[in-house]
Amino acid sequence: MNPQYPHRLIGLPEVIHMTSLSRSTILRLVDKKEFPRPSLVSGRNLWLFKAVEGWNLEQVGAGKDHQADNNTQ
């Protein structure tokens, strides 16, 4: 992330690239309130970069927790 723009907004193509999720999966997760909600700016849905980055980090953390649980069994 560029420290000069910590609150930059990104479009769906960049969200797809960052998460490796499909458009339909992202929108489904938004509907289920399991993914950051975009903001409507000038007629476009845009996400806060930090929110998507934070979601990615949560997923990595959840994966490590799950992996640790499996290793203790």
C-alpha atoms as a PDB file:
ATOM      1  CA  MET A   1       0.000   0.000   0.000  1.00  0.00           C
ATOM      2  CA  ASN A   2       1.212   3.479  -0.800  1.00  0.00           C
ATOM      3  CA  PRO A   3       1.538   5.361   2.525  1.00  0.00           C
ATOM      4  CA  GLN A   4       0.705   8.645   0.763  1.00  0.00           C
ATOM      5  CA  TYR A   5      -2.852   7.410   0.059  1.00  0.00           C
ATOM      6  CA  PRO A   6      -3.994   5.308   3.046  1.00  0.00           C
ATOM      7  CA  HIS A   7      -7.677   6.044   2.393  1.00  0.00           C
ATOM      8  CA  ARG A   8      -7.804   5.609  -1.371  1.00  0.00           C
ATOM      9  CA  LEU A   9     -10.854   4.152  -3.056  1.00  0.00           C
ATOM     10  CA  ILE A  10     -10.658   1.198  -5.428  1.00  0.00           C
ATOM     11  CA  GLY A  11     -13.045  -0.276  -7.959  1.00  0.00           C
ATOM     12  CA  LEU A  12     -14.302  -3.815  -8.338  1.00  0.00           C
ATOM     13  CA  PRO A  13     -11.526  -4.935 -10.735  1.00  0.00           C
ATOM     14  CA  GLU A  14      -8.882  -4.104  -8.112  1.00  0.00           C
ATOM     15  CA  VAL A  15     -10.956  -5.741  -5.348  1.00  0.00           C
ATOM     16  CA  ILE A  16     -11.148  -8.889  -7.491  1.00  0.00           C
ATOM     17  CA  HIS A  17      -7.390  -8.750  -8.038  1.00  0.00           C
ATOM     18  CA  MET A  18      -6.633  -8.219  -4.329  1.00  0.00           C
ATOM     19  CA  THR A  19      -8.898 -11.010  -3.092  1.00  0.00           C
ATOM     20  CA  SER A  20      -8.804 -13.519  -5.968  1.00  0.00           C
ATOM     21  CA  LEU A  21     -12.588 -13.762  -5.580  1.00  0.00           C
ATOM     22  CA  SER A  22     -15.083 -13.534  -8.411  1.00  0.00           C
ATOM     23  CA  ARG A  23     -17.425 -10.576  -8.839  1.00  0.00           C
ATOM     24  CA  SER A  24     -20.425 -12.675  -7.834  1.00  0.00           C
ATOM     25  CA  THR A  25     -18.686 -13.987  -4.700  1.00  0.00           C
ATOM     26  CA  ILE A  26     -17.713 -10.487  -3.600  1.00  0.00           C
ATOM     27  CA  LEU A  27     -21.244  -9.174  -4.106  1.00  0.00           C
ATOM     28  CA  ARG A  28     -22.738 -12.183  -2.305  1.00  0.00           C
ATOM     29  CA  LEU A  29     -20.406 -11.646   0.661  1.00  0.00           C
ATOM     30  CA  VAL A  30     -21.335  -7.947   0.736  1.00  0.00           C
ATOM     31  CA  ASP A  31     -25.030  -8.898   0.820  1.00  0.00           C
ATOM     32  CA  LYS A  32     -24.329 -11.317   3.694  1.00  0.00           C
ATOM     33  CA  LYS A  33     -22.376  -8.553   5.495  1.00  0.00           C
ATOM     34  CA  GLU A  34     -19.246 -10.734   5.387  1.00  0.00           C
ATOM     35  CA  PHE A  35     -17.237  -8.351   3.187  1.00  0.00           C
ATOM     36  CA  PRO A  36     -16.731  -4.576   3.362  1.00  0.00           C
ATOM     37  CA  ARG A  37     -19.551  -2.573   1.828  1.00  0.00           C
ATOM     38  CA  PRO A  38     -18.663  -0.279  -1.076  1.00  0.00           C
ATOM     39  CA  SER A  39     -19.589   3.392  -1.154  1.00  0.00           C
ATOM     40  CA  LEU A  40     -21.405   4.910  -4.104  1.00  0.00           C
ATOM     41  CA  VAL A  41     -19.195   7.698  -5.474  1.00  0.00           C
ATOM     42  CA  SER A  42     -20.186   9.466  -8.685  1.00  0.00           C
ATOM     43  CA  GLY A  43     -22.344   6.489  -9.651  1.00  0.00           C
ATOM     44  CA  ARG A  44     -19.615   3.902  -9.015  1.00  0.00           C
ATOM     45  CA  ASN A  45     -19.284   1.369  -6.219  1.00  0.00           C
ATOM     46  CA  LEU A  46     -15.870   1.941  -4.640  1.00  0.00           C
ATOM     47  CA  TRP A  47     -14.226   0.218  -1.703  1.00  0.00           C
ATOM     48  CA  LEU A  48     -11.828   1.679   0.809  1.00  0.00           C
ATOM     49  CA  PHE A  49      -8.470   0.021   0.127  1.00  0.00           C
ATOM     50  CA  LYS A  50      -7.785  -0.334   3.862  1.00  0.00           C
ATOM     51  CA  ALA A  51     -11.090  -2.172   4.383  1.00  0.00           C
ATOM     52  CA  VAL A  52     -10.347  -4.740   1.677  1.00  0.00           C
ATOM     53  CA  GLU A  53      -6.772  -5.129   2.881  1.00  0.00           C
ATOM     54  CA  GLY A  54      -8.063  -5.643   6.446  1.00  0.00           C
ATOM     55  CA  TRP A  55     -10.554  -8.267   5.246  1.00  0.00           C
ATOM     56  CA  ASN A  56      -7.713 -10.105   3.483  1.00  0.00           C
ATOM     57  CA  LEU A  57      -5.625 -10.072   6.662  1.00  0.00           C
ATOM     58  CA  GLU A  58      -8.574 -11.429   8.668  1.00  0.00           C
ATOM     59  CA  GLN A  59      -8.905 -14.306   6.214  1.00  0.00           C
ATOM     60  CA  VAL A  60      -5.207 -15.134   6.542  1.00  0.00           C
ATOM     61  CA  GLY A  61      -5.522 -15.008  10.334  1.00  0.00           C
ATOM     62  CA  ALA A  62      -8.608 -17.227  10.268  1.00  0.00           C
ATOM     63  CA  GLY A  63      -6.707 -19.703   8.123  1.00  0.00           C
ATOM     64  CA  LYS A  64      -3.819 -19.790  10.591  1.00  0.00           C
ATOM     65  CA  ASP A  65      -6.245 -20.297  13.496  1.00  0.00           C
ATOM     66  CA  HIS A  66      -7.925 -23.151  11.624  1.00  0.00           C
ATOM     67  CA  GLN A  67      -4.562 -24.680  10.785  1.00  0.00           C
ATOM     68  CA  ALA A  68      -3.442 -24.442  14.427  1.00  0.00           C
ATOM     69  CA  ASP A  69      -6.669 -26.130  15.567  1.00  0.00           C
ATOM     70  CA  ASN A  70      -6.025 -29.006  13.151  1.00  0.00           C
ATOM     71  CA  ASN A  71      -2.451 -29.417  14.389  1.00  0.00           C
ATOM     72  CA  THR A  72      -3.550 -29.786  18.015  1.00  0.00           C
ATOM     73  CA  GLN A  73      -5.943 -32.643  17.302  1.00  0.00           C
END
